[in-house]
C-alpha atoms as a PDB file:
ATOM      1  CA  MET A   1      -5.123  -3.721 -21.883  1.00  0.00           C
ATOM      2  CA  ARG A   2      -5.270  -5.149 -18.360  1.00  0.00           C
ATOM      3  CA  VAL A   3      -2.010  -7.037 -18.956  1.00  0.00           C
ATOM      4  CA  GLN A   4      -0.319  -3.832 -20.169  1.00  0.00           C
ATOM      5  CA  LEU A   5      -1.582  -1.953 -17.121  1.00  0.00           C
ATOM      6  CA  ALA A   6      -0.332  -4.693 -14.813  1.00  0.00           C
ATOM      7  CA  ARG A   7       3.099  -4.651 -16.484  1.00  0.00           C
ATOM      8  CA  ARG A   8       3.268  -0.877 -16.198  1.00  0.00           C
ATOM      9  CA  LEU A   9       2.288  -0.660 -12.511  1.00  0.00           C
ATOM     10  CA  LEU A  10       2.619  -3.894 -10.542  1.00  0.00           C
ATOM     11  CA  ASP A  11       5.724  -4.330  -8.382  1.00  0.00           C
ATOM     12  CA  ARG A  12       6.940  -0.762  -8.975  1.00  0.00           C
ATOM     13  CA  GLN A  13       8.078   1.242  -5.979  1.00  0.00           C
ATOM     14  CA  ILE A  14       5.767   4.025  -4.807  1.00  0.00           C
ATOM     15  CA  VAL A  15       7.733   7.172  -3.965  1.00  0.00           C
ATOM     16  CA  ASP A  16       6.333  10.333  -2.399  1.00  0.00           C
ATOM     17  CA  VAL A  17       6.996  13.911  -3.572  1.00  0.00           C
ATOM     18  CA  ASP A  18      10.111  14.071  -1.356  1.00  0.00           C
ATOM     19  CA  GLY A  19      11.543  10.817  -2.719  1.00  0.00           C
ATOM     20  CA  LEU A  20      10.627   8.719   0.345  1.00  0.00           C
ATOM     21  CA  LEU A  21       9.573   5.133  -0.245  1.00  0.00           C
ATOM     22  CA  VAL A  22       5.884   4.549   0.500  1.00  0.00           C
ATOM     23  CA  GLY A  23       5.710   0.918  -0.593  1.00  0.00           C
ATOM     24  CA  ARG A  24       5.382  -1.167  -3.713  1.00  0.00           C
ATOM     25  CA  VAL A  25       2.358  -1.541  -5.989  1.00  0.00           C
ATOM     26  CA  ASP A  26       1.062  -4.961  -4.932  1.00  0.00           C
ATOM     27  CA  ASP A  27      -2.320  -4.799  -6.654  1.00  0.00           C
ATOM     28  CA  ILE A  28      -4.695  -2.468  -8.470  1.00  0.00           C
ATOM     29  CA  ALA A  29      -8.252  -1.643  -7.358  1.00  0.00           C
ATOM     30  CA  PHE A  30     -10.831  -0.955 -10.057  1.00  0.00           C
ATOM     31  CA  ALA A  31     -14.181   0.801  -9.801  1.00  0.00           C
ATOM     32  CA  VAL A  32     -17.029   1.226 -12.272  1.00  0.00           C
ATOM     33  CA  ASP A  33     -18.337   4.635 -13.333  1.00  0.00           C
ATOM     34  CA  ASP A  34     -22.003   5.585 -13.804  1.00  0.00           C
ATOM     35  CA  GLU A  35     -21.949   4.377 -17.407  1.00  0.00           C
ATOM     36  CA  GLY A  36     -20.588   0.961 -16.450  1.00  0.00           C
ATOM     37  CA  PHE A  37     -16.997   1.491 -17.578  1.00  0.00           C
ATOM     38  CA  PRO A  38     -14.195   0.228 -15.295  1.00  0.00           C
ATOM     39  CA  TYR A  39     -11.366   2.531 -14.272  1.00  0.00           C
ATOM     40  CA  VAL A  40      -8.361   2.354 -11.933  1.00  0.00           C
ATOM     41  CA  ASP A  41      -9.495   3.681  -8.564  1.00  0.00           C
ATOM     42  CA  CYS A  42      -6.351   3.222  -6.497  1.00  0.00           C
ATOM     43  CA  LEU A  43      -3.108   1.345  -6.082  1.00  0.00           C
ATOM     44  CA  LEU A  44      -2.859  -1.170  -3.249  1.00  0.00           C
ATOM     45  CA  THR A  45       0.250  -1.877  -1.231  1.00  0.00           C
ATOM     46  CA  GLY A  46       0.911  -4.286   1.621  1.00  0.00           C
ATOM     47  CA  GLN A  47       1.193  -7.994   2.321  1.00  0.00           C
ATOM     48  CA  GLY A  48      -2.561  -8.485   2.296  1.00  0.00           C
ATOM     49  CA  ALA A  49      -2.851  -7.066  -1.228  1.00  0.00           C
ATOM     50  CA  LEU A  50       0.146  -9.051  -2.451  1.00  0.00           C
ATOM     51  CA  GLY A  51      -1.160 -12.261  -0.893  1.00  0.00           C
ATOM     52  CA  ALA A  52      -4.554 -11.835  -2.510  1.00  0.00           C
ATOM     53  CA  ARG A  53      -2.896 -11.220  -5.890  1.00  0.00           C
ATOM     54  CA  ILE A  54      -0.568 -14.236  -5.635  1.00  0.00           C
ATOM     55  CA  GLY A  55      -3.240 -16.576  -4.295  1.00  0.00           C
ATOM     56  CA  GLY A  56      -2.718 -20.208  -3.376  1.00  0.00           C
ATOM     57  CA  ARG A  57      -0.865 -21.403  -0.314  1.00  0.00           C
ATOM     58  CA  THR A  58       1.814 -18.699  -0.511  1.00  0.00           C
ATOM     59  CA  GLY A  59      -0.775 -15.949  -0.836  1.00  0.00           C
ATOM     60  CA  ARG A  60      -2.774 -17.256   2.119  1.00  0.00           C
ATOM     61  CA  LEU A  61       0.434 -17.354   4.188  1.00  0.00           C
ATOM     62  CA  LEU A  62       1.233 -13.704   3.335  1.00  0.00           C
ATOM     63  CA  VAL A  63      -2.295 -12.634   4.290  1.00  0.00           C
ATOM     64  CA  ALA A  64      -2.141 -14.630   7.544  1.00  0.00           C
ATOM     65  CA  VAL A  65       1.175 -13.041   8.513  1.00  0.00           C
ATOM     66  CA  ALA A  66      -0.166  -9.564   7.699  1.00  0.00           C
ATOM     67  CA  ASP A  67      -3.292 -10.229   9.777  1.00  0.00           C
ATOM     68  CA  ARG A  68      -1.097 -11.021  12.805  1.00  0.00           C
ATOM     69  CA  PHE A  69      -0.082  -7.347  12.787  1.00  0.00           C
ATOM     70  CA  THR A  70      -3.533  -5.904  13.293  1.00  0.00           C
ATOM     71  CA  ASP A  71      -6.022  -5.695  16.113  1.00  0.00           C
ATOM     72  CA  ASP A  72      -8.956  -6.152  13.758  1.00  0.00           C
ATOM     73  CA  PRO A  73      -8.238  -8.671  10.965  1.00  0.00           C
ATOM     74  CA  PRO A  74      -8.465  -8.883   8.058  1.00  0.00           C
ATOM     75  CA  MET A  75      -5.997  -6.069   7.574  1.00  0.00           C
ATOM     76  CA  PRO A  76      -6.863  -3.848   4.609  1.00  0.00           C
ATOM     77  CA  PRO A  77      -4.063  -2.821   2.261  1.00  0.00           C
ATOM     78  CA  LEU A  78      -2.898   0.778   2.068  1.00  0.00           C
ATOM     79  CA  ARG A  79      -4.920   2.421  -0.712  1.00  0.00           C
ATOM     80  CA  VAL A  80      -3.198   5.127  -2.747  1.00  0.00           C
ATOM     81  CA  PRO A  81      -5.799   7.046  -4.789  1.00  0.00           C
ATOM     82  CA  LEU A  82      -4.901   7.375  -8.455  1.00  0.00           C
ATOM     83  CA  SER A  83      -5.508  11.125  -8.099  1.00  0.00           C
ATOM     84  CA  GLN A  84      -2.326  11.249  -5.966  1.00  0.00           C
ATOM     85  CA  VAL A  85      -0.144   9.757  -8.741  1.00  0.00           C
ATOM     86  CA  ALA A  86       1.903  12.420 -10.538  1.00  0.00           C
ATOM     87  CA  ARG A  87       3.645  10.120 -13.017  1.00  0.00           C
ATOM     88  CA  VAL A  88       4.839   6.588 -13.632  1.00  0.00           C
ATOM     89  CA  ASP A  89       8.398   5.963 -14.781  1.00  0.00           C
ATOM     90  CA  SER A  90      10.814   3.577 -13.097  1.00  0.00           C
ATOM     91  CA  ALA A  91       8.683   4.182  -9.991  1.00  0.00           C
ATOM     92  CA  VAL A  92       5.193   5.463  -9.246  1.00  0.00           C
ATOM     93  CA  ARG A  93       5.746   9.072  -8.210  1.00  0.00           C
ATOM     94  CA  LEU A  94       3.158  10.739  -5.985  1.00  0.00           C
ATOM     95  CA  ARG A  95       1.971  14.354  -5.780  1.00  0.00           C
ATOM     96  CA  CYS A  96       1.788  14.194  -1.986  1.00  0.00           C
ATOM     97  CA  ARG A  97       3.977  13.362   0.981  1.00  0.00           C
ATOM     98  CA  ALA A  98       3.861   9.927   2.578  1.00  0.00           C
ATOM     99  CA  ALA A  99       2.640  11.597   5.788  1.00  0.00           C
ATOM    100  CA  ASP A 100      -0.467  12.796   3.909  1.00  0.00           C
ATOM    101  CA  LEU A 101      -1.502   9.215   3.142  1.00  0.00           C
ATOM    102  CA  PRO A 102      -3.210   6.976   5.678  1.00  0.00           C
ATOM    103  CA  PRO A 103      -0.594   5.046   7.650  1.00  0.00           C
ATOM    104  CA  SER A 104       0.213   1.527   6.589  1.00  0.00           C
ATOM    105  CA  PRO A 105      -1.814  -0.844   8.815  1.00  0.00           C
ATOM    106  CA  VAL A 106       1.322  -2.886   9.626  1.00  0.00           C
ATOM    107  CA  GLU A 107       3.280   0.279  10.444  1.00  0.00           C
ATOM    108  CA  ALA A 108       0.463   1.565  12.672  1.00  0.00           C
ATOM    109  CA  TRP A 109       0.285  -1.777  14.529  1.00  0.00           C
ATOM    110  CA  LEU A 110       4.065  -1.912  15.019  1.00  0.00           C
ATOM    111  CA  ARG A 111       4.096   1.686  16.254  1.00  0.00           C
ATOM    112  CA  ARG A 112       1.282   1.029  18.755  1.00  0.00           C
ATOM    113  CA  HIS A 113       2.457  -2.331  20.048  1.00  0.00           C
ATOM    114  CA  LEU A 114       6.233  -2.133  19.753  1.00  0.00           C
ATOM    115  CA  ILE A 115       7.799   1.266  19.053  1.00  0.00           C
ATOM    116  CA  GLU A 116       5.735   3.259  21.577  1.00  0.00           C
ATOM    117  CA  ARG A 117       6.763   0.830  24.325  1.00  0.00           C
ATOM    118  CA  ILE A 118      10.461   1.596  23.852  1.00  0.00           C
ATOM    119  CA  PRO A 119      11.609   4.088  26.509  1.00  0.00           C
ATOM    120  CA  GLY A 120      12.372   7.456  24.884  1.00  0.00           C
ATOM    121  CA  SER A 121      10.642   6.593  21.618  1.00  0.00           C
ATOM    122  CA  GLY A 122       8.452   9.696  21.852  1.00  0.00           C
ATOM    123  CA  ARG A 123      11.407  12.074  21.810  1.00  0.00           C
ATOM    124  CA  ALA A 124      12.591  13.551  18.562  1.00  0.00           C
ATOM    125  CA  SER A 125      16.176  12.759  17.697  1.00  0.00           C
ATOM    126  CA  GLY A 126      18.435  15.062  15.873  1.00  0.00           C
END
């Protein structure tokens, strides 16, 4: 069953209710209920999650690169609660907007350390 779940979810794009790309399913987080049965808790996206899933030298490199983009390593992956998943077809489609999810740690770091330093970056364009 775990292999079927992995085939069904891993590496699929995650799209919000408006069709905006949130990320890609890089790993799956499980939890255990009160009776001891495992269940899917959330979907993980980000280089840290992908690196941990791949493992080996390549995985460690992905995690190291991801950790360079945070003030407090190790950088946790973005966690998308399963309760926010509306359906799974060619992509994982969410019930919510991307803005309602916690920001990607890499995106937050880039915004703080790069984007906000660009003159005029705080103005809305249109």
